Amino acid sequence: MKWQHERDANITYCMNSLEQAQIEYEALIQKFQSAIIATANKQGIPNASYTPFVIDEFKNIYIYISGLSTHTQNLVVNPHASVMLIEDEDKTEQIFARHRLTFECTATLIERDSDTWYEIMNSFHARFGEIMEVLSGLQDFRMFKLTPKEGRFVIGFGAAYFISGNDLNQLKGRSV
């Protein structure tokens, strides 16, 4: 019966760990105003940058970026991108185990002056304020919707969780 008790304790621990991870996952996204974005050009040459973003309830990430930037040019020819939110170095307890969230995404250009463009631009205005008055008028800027297909949420050594499927709001247990 000892093994039964140990197994039940492990199941309870895992459930509590998953519940705690879920709370941290939801809180982490709200902490950030910008994300690291990795793109690649047509030849597969990578580029890492960052961009402010807004996010909807389905975890679609919207970015508004200059057409002159490398990551914009890359997204036009190669719609695959990785987005990462990562805990500040000065706030982490262990540099090798920074809390982080990554999503593998597909980018779609939102047509300027479409209903969707105005709806998302309103979210940018609400989040970032007056600067959006200037930026929204710049004709070289492009708005992209980054649709996550899957992701990974890491909150420490041995504590990595998958995010996938139709419900990107729900963590899916630890990865191996």
C-alpha atoms as a PDB file:
ATOM      1  CA  MET A   1       0.000   0.000   0.000  1.00  0.00           C
ATOM      2  CA  LYS A   2       2.992   2.295   0.413  1.00  0.00           C
ATOM      3  CA  TRP A   3       3.383   2.544  -3.375  1.00  0.00           C
ATOM      4  CA  GLN A   4      -0.309   3.494  -3.662  1.00  0.00           C
ATOM      5  CA  HIS A   5       0.158   6.353  -1.180  1.00  0.00           C
ATOM      6  CA  GLU A   6       3.303   7.550  -2.984  1.00  0.00           C
ATOM      7  CA  ARG A   7       1.530   7.382  -6.348  1.00  0.00           C
ATOM      8  CA  ASP A   8      -1.457   9.353  -4.998  1.00  0.00           C
ATOM      9  CA  ALA A   9       0.917  11.935  -3.498  1.00  0.00           C
ATOM     10  CA  ASN A  10       2.691  12.269  -6.859  1.00  0.00           C
ATOM     11  CA  ILE A  11      -0.618  12.709  -8.692  1.00  0.00           C
ATOM     12  CA  THR A  12      -1.710  15.382  -6.204  1.00  0.00           C
ATOM     13  CA  TYR A  13       1.684  17.117  -6.533  1.00  0.00           C
ATOM     14  CA  CYS A  14       1.446  17.084 -10.350  1.00  0.00           C
ATOM     15  CA  MET A  15      -2.099  18.441 -10.281  1.00  0.00           C
ATOM     16  CA  ASN A  16      -1.087  21.190  -7.880  1.00  0.00           C
ATOM     17  CA  SER A  17       2.013  21.891  -9.996  1.00  0.00           C
ATOM     18  CA  LEU A  18      -0.097  22.135 -13.148  1.00  0.00           C
ATOM     19  CA  GLU A  19      -2.623  24.392 -11.443  1.00  0.00           C
ATOM     20  CA  GLN A  20       0.173  26.650 -10.174  1.00  0.00           C
ATOM     21  CA  ALA A  21       1.811  26.673 -13.612  1.00  0.00           C
ATOM     22  CA  GLN A  22      -1.532  27.645 -15.168  1.00  0.00           C
ATOM     23  CA  ILE A  23      -1.798  30.647 -12.836  1.00  0.00           C
ATOM     24  CA  GLU A  24       1.774  31.685 -13.654  1.00  0.00           C
ATOM     25  CA  TYR A  25       1.137  31.234 -17.402  1.00  0.00           C
ATOM     26  CA  GLU A  26      -1.856  33.549 -17.342  1.00  0.00           C
ATOM     27  CA  ALA A  27       0.012  36.142 -15.261  1.00  0.00           C
ATOM     28  CA  LEU A  28       3.180  36.067 -17.365  1.00  0.00           C
ATOM     29  CA  ILE A  29       1.463  37.186 -20.559  1.00  0.00           C
ATOM     30  CA  GLN A  30      -0.032  40.203 -18.787  1.00  0.00           C
ATOM     31  CA  LYS A  31       3.399  41.359 -17.557  1.00  0.00           C
ATOM     32  CA  PHE A  32       4.802  42.068 -21.008  1.00  0.00           C
ATOM     33  CA  GLN A  33       4.296  44.863 -23.497  1.00  0.00           C
ATOM     34  CA  SER A  34       6.879  43.605 -25.974  1.00  0.00           C
ATOM     35  CA  ALA A  35       8.044  40.244 -27.241  1.00  0.00           C
ATOM     36  CA  ILE A  36      11.179  38.845 -28.796  1.00  0.00           C
ATOM     37  CA  ILE A  37      10.429  37.703 -32.322  1.00  0.00           C
ATOM     38  CA  ALA A  38      12.512  35.382 -34.470  1.00  0.00           C
ATOM     39  CA  THR A  39      11.967  35.305 -38.216  1.00  0.00           C
ATOM     40  CA  ALA A  40      13.876  33.982 -41.209  1.00  0.00           C
ATOM     41  CA  ASN A  41      14.245  35.242 -44.742  1.00  0.00           C
ATOM     42  CA  LYS A  42      13.630  33.264 -47.927  1.00  0.00           C
ATOM     43  CA  GLN A  43      17.075  31.683 -47.676  1.00  0.00           C
ATOM     44  CA  GLY A  44      16.443  30.660 -44.055  1.00  0.00           C
ATOM     45  CA  ILE A  45      18.823  33.209 -42.538  1.00  0.00           C
ATOM     46  CA  PRO A  46      17.465  34.011 -39.062  1.00  0.00           C
ATOM     47  CA  ASN A  47      16.868  37.384 -37.482  1.00  0.00           C
ATOM     48  CA  ALA A  48      15.902  38.127 -33.882  1.00  0.00           C
ATOM     49  CA  SER A  49      14.289  41.375 -32.864  1.00  0.00           C
ATOM     50  CA  TYR A  50      11.598  42.629 -30.539  1.00  0.00           C
ATOM     51  CA  THR A  51       8.277  44.350 -30.969  1.00  0.00           C
ATOM     52  CA  PRO A  52       5.460  45.706 -28.843  1.00  0.00           C
ATOM     53  CA  PHE A  53       2.296  43.649 -29.160  1.00  0.00           C
ATOM     54  CA  VAL A  54      -1.328  43.234 -28.216  1.00  0.00           C
ATOM     55  CA  ILE A  55      -2.921  39.846 -27.677  1.00  0.00           C
ATOM     56  CA  ASP A  56      -6.498  38.646 -27.937  1.00  0.00           C
ATOM     57  CA  GLU A  57      -8.381  36.073 -25.866  1.00  0.00           C
ATOM     58  CA  PHE A  58      -7.368  33.300 -28.301  1.00  0.00           C
ATOM     59  CA  LYS A  59      -3.654  34.112 -27.838  1.00  0.00           C
ATOM     60  CA  ASN A  60      -3.337  35.633 -31.308  1.00  0.00           C
ATOM     61  CA  ILE A  61      -0.520  38.160 -31.104  1.00  0.00           C
ATOM     62  CA  TYR A  62      -0.757  41.367 -33.120  1.00  0.00           C
ATOM     63  CA  ILE A  63       2.314  43.380 -34.007  1.00  0.00           C
ATOM     64  CA  TYR A  64       2.632  46.737 -35.756  1.00  0.00           C
ATOM     65  CA  ILE A  65       6.063  47.104 -37.303  1.00  0.00           C
ATOM     66  CA  SER A  66       7.929  49.207 -39.846  1.00  0.00           C
ATOM     67  CA  GLY A  67       8.116  47.870 -43.368  1.00  0.00           C
ATOM     68  CA  LEU A  68      11.774  48.913 -43.334  1.00  0.00           C
ATOM     69  CA  SER A  69      12.658  46.430 -40.577  1.00  0.00           C
ATOM     70  CA  THR A  70      14.251  43.070 -41.315  1.00  0.00           C
ATOM     71  CA  HIS A  71      11.579  41.123 -39.429  1.00  0.00           C
ATOM     72  CA  THR A  72       8.799  42.728 -41.496  1.00  0.00           C
ATOM     73  CA  GLN A  73      10.556  41.884 -44.745  1.00  0.00           C
ATOM     74  CA  ASN A  74      11.091  38.331 -43.491  1.00  0.00           C
ATOM     75  CA  LEU A  75       7.430  37.847 -42.540  1.00  0.00           C
ATOM     76  CA  VAL A  76       6.354  38.949 -46.017  1.00  0.00           C
ATOM     77  CA  VAL A  77       8.405  36.168 -47.686  1.00  0.00           C
ATOM     78  CA  ASN A  78       8.307  33.574 -44.879  1.00  0.00           C
ATOM     79  CA  PRO A  79       5.278  33.675 -42.561  1.00  0.00           C
ATOM     80  CA  HIS A  80       6.805  31.437 -39.870  1.00  0.00           C
ATOM     81  CA  ALA A  81       7.890  33.115 -36.648  1.00  0.00           C
ATOM     82  CA  SER A  82       8.718  32.277 -33.077  1.00  0.00           C
ATOM     83  CA  VAL A  83       7.688  34.641 -30.310  1.00  0.00           C
ATOM     84  CA  MET A  84       9.187  34.617 -26.833  1.00  0.00           C
ATOM     85  CA  LEU A  85       8.306  36.362 -23.596  1.00  0.00           C
ATOM     86  CA  ILE A  86      11.088  35.945 -21.045  1.00  0.00           C
ATOM     87  CA  GLU A  87      11.553  37.005 -17.451  1.00  0.00           C
ATOM     88  CA  ASP A  88      13.982  39.898 -16.871  1.00  0.00           C
ATOM     89  CA  GLU A  89      17.446  38.785 -15.884  1.00  0.00           C
ATOM     90  CA  ASP A  90      17.463  41.025 -12.829  1.00  0.00           C
ATOM     91  CA  LYS A  91      14.235  39.424 -11.559  1.00  0.00           C
ATOM     92  CA  THR A  92      15.180  35.785 -12.024  1.00  0.00           C
ATOM     93  CA  GLU A  93      16.371  33.572  -9.209  1.00  0.00           C
ATOM     94  CA  GLN A  94      18.396  31.351 -11.561  1.00  0.00           C
ATOM     95  CA  ILE A  95      19.768  32.616 -14.879  1.00  0.00           C
ATOM     96  CA  PHE A  96      19.679  29.089 -16.352  1.00  0.00           C
ATOM     97  CA  ALA A  97      15.982  28.695 -15.536  1.00  0.00           C
ATOM     98  CA  ARG A  98      14.375  31.980 -16.493  1.00  0.00           C
ATOM     99  CA  HIS A  99      10.588  31.813 -16.786  1.00  0.00           C
ATOM    100  CA  ARG A 100       9.665  32.004 -20.445  1.00  0.00           C
ATOM    101  CA  LEU A 101       6.902  31.408 -22.930  1.00  0.00           C
ATOM    102  CA  THR A 102       7.465  30.619 -26.587  1.00  0.00           C
ATOM    103  CA  PHE A 103       4.910  30.282 -29.356  1.00  0.00           C
ATOM    104  CA  GLU A 104       5.492  28.945 -32.862  1.00  0.00           C
ATOM    105  CA  CYS A 105       3.332  31.138 -35.081  1.00  0.00           C
ATOM    106  CA  THR A 106       2.150  31.773 -38.592  1.00  0.00           C
ATOM    107  CA  ALA A 107       1.942  35.426 -39.640  1.00  0.00           C
ATOM    108  CA  THR A 108      -0.878  36.954 -41.627  1.00  0.00           C
ATOM    109  CA  LEU A 109      -0.800  40.537 -42.889  1.00  0.00           C
ATOM    110  CA  ILE A 110      -3.808  42.602 -41.740  1.00  0.00           C
ATOM    111  CA  GLU A 111      -4.875  44.918 -44.535  1.00  0.00           C
ATOM    112  CA  ARG A 112      -4.521  48.592 -43.612  1.00  0.00           C
ATOM    113  CA  ASP A 113      -7.836  50.389 -43.073  1.00  0.00           C
ATOM    114  CA  SER A 114      -9.816  47.137 -42.856  1.00  0.00           C
ATOM    115  CA  ASP A 115     -12.311  46.665 -40.012  1.00  0.00           C
ATOM    116  CA  THR A 116      -9.872  44.276 -38.325  1.00  0.00           C
ATOM    117  CA  TRP A 117      -7.018  46.771 -38.689  1.00  0.00           C
ATOM    118  CA  TYR A 118      -9.063  49.494 -36.942  1.00  0.00           C
ATOM    119  CA  GLU A 119     -10.227  47.122 -34.214  1.00  0.00           C
ATOM    120  CA  ILE A 120      -6.674  46.009 -33.402  1.00  0.00           C
ATOM    121  CA  MET A 121      -5.327  49.555 -33.755  1.00  0.00           C
ATOM    122  CA  ASN A 122      -7.802  50.598 -31.063  1.00  0.00           C
ATOM    123  CA  SER A 123      -6.214  47.968 -28.816  1.00  0.00           C
ATOM    124  CA  PHE A 124      -2.765  49.384 -29.591  1.00  0.00           C
ATOM    125  CA  HIS A 125      -4.013  52.889 -28.724  1.00  0.00           C
ATOM    126  CA  ALA A 126      -5.482  51.654 -25.445  1.00  0.00           C
ATOM    127  CA  ARG A 127      -2.297  49.862 -24.484  1.00  0.00           C
ATOM    128  CA  PHE A 128       0.411  52.246 -25.716  1.00  0.00           C
ATOM    129  CA  GLY A 129      -1.252  55.644 -25.712  1.00  0.00           C
ATOM    130  CA  GLU A 130      -0.338  58.763 -27.668  1.00  0.00           C
ATOM    131  CA  ILE A 131       2.593  57.307 -29.611  1.00  0.00           C
ATOM    132  CA  MET A 132       0.051  55.323 -31.626  1.00  0.00           C
ATOM    133  CA  GLU A 133      -1.372  58.577 -33.016  1.00  0.00           C
ATOM    134  CA  VAL A 134       1.929  59.063 -34.808  1.00  0.00           C
ATOM    135  CA  LEU A 135       2.684  55.433 -35.645  1.00  0.00           C
ATOM    136  CA  SER A 136      -0.774  54.615 -36.999  1.00  0.00           C
ATOM    137  CA  GLY A 137      -0.332  57.309 -39.629  1.00  0.00           C
ATOM    138  CA  LEU A 138       2.999  55.997 -40.905  1.00  0.00           C
ATOM    139  CA  GLN A 139       2.282  54.315 -44.211  1.00  0.00           C
ATOM    140  CA  ASP A 140       5.316  52.014 -44.143  1.00  0.00           C
ATOM    141  CA  PHE A 141       4.092  50.274 -40.967  1.00  0.00           C
ATOM    142  CA  ARG A 142       2.422  46.882 -41.283  1.00  0.00           C
ATOM    143  CA  MET A 143       0.151  45.017 -38.910  1.00  0.00           C
ATOM    144  CA  PHE A 144       0.520  41.253 -38.618  1.00  0.00           C
ATOM    145  CA  LYS A 145      -1.533  38.679 -36.801  1.00  0.00           C
ATOM    146  CA  LEU A 146       0.706  35.964 -35.377  1.00  0.00           C
ATOM    147  CA  THR A 147      -1.389  32.848 -34.878  1.00  0.00           C
ATOM    148  CA  PRO A 148       0.221  30.386 -32.460  1.00  0.00           C
ATOM    149  CA  LYS A 149       0.097  26.726 -33.393  1.00  0.00           C
ATOM    150  CA  GLU A 150       1.829  25.500 -30.265  1.00  0.00           C
ATOM    151  CA  GLY A 151       3.985  26.726 -27.459  1.00  0.00           C
ATOM    152  CA  ARG A 152       6.021  25.917 -24.430  1.00  0.00           C
ATOM    153  CA  PHE A 153       5.935  27.499 -20.989  1.00  0.00           C
ATOM    154  CA  VAL A 154       9.010  26.984 -18.808  1.00  0.00           C
ATOM    155  CA  ILE A 155       9.061  27.941 -15.146  1.00  0.00           C
ATOM    156  CA  GLY A 156      12.195  26.182 -13.990  1.00  0.00           C
ATOM    157  CA  PHE A 157      14.282  23.042 -14.202  1.00  0.00           C
ATOM    158  CA  GLY A 158      12.013  20.102 -15.001  1.00  0.00           C
ATOM    159  CA  ALA A 159       8.994  22.387 -15.235  1.00  0.00           C
ATOM    160  CA  ALA A 160       8.162  22.812 -18.914  1.00  0.00           C
ATOM    161  CA  TYR A 161       4.569  22.682 -20.137  1.00  0.00           C
ATOM    162  CA  PHE A 162       3.131  22.358 -23.641  1.00  0.00           C
ATOM    163  CA  ILE A 163       0.454  24.593 -25.084  1.00  0.00           C
ATOM    164  CA  SER A 164      -1.273  23.285 -28.207  1.00  0.00           C
ATOM    165  CA  GLY A 165      -4.515  22.497 -29.908  1.00  0.00           C
ATOM    166  CA  ASN A 166      -7.658  24.535 -30.034  1.00  0.00           C
ATOM    167  CA  ASP A 167      -7.300  25.924 -26.516  1.00  0.00           C
ATOM    168  CA  LEU A 168      -4.058  27.856 -26.180  1.00  0.00           C
ATOM    169  CA  ASN A 169      -5.313  29.176 -22.843  1.00  0.00           C
ATOM    170  CA  GLN A 170      -4.768  25.774 -21.210  1.00  0.00           C
ATOM    171  CA  LEU A 171      -1.422  24.184 -20.361  1.00  0.00           C
ATOM    172  CA  LYS A 172      -0.995  20.521 -21.261  1.00  0.00           C
ATOM    173  CA  GLY A 173       1.129  18.905 -18.585  1.00  0.00           C
ATOM    174  CA  ARG A 174       4.877  18.694 -18.467  1.00  0.00           C
ATOM    175  CA  SER A 175       6.968  17.947 -21.489  1.00  0.00           C
ATOM    176  CA  VAL A 176       9.679  15.341 -21.400  1.00  0.00           C
END
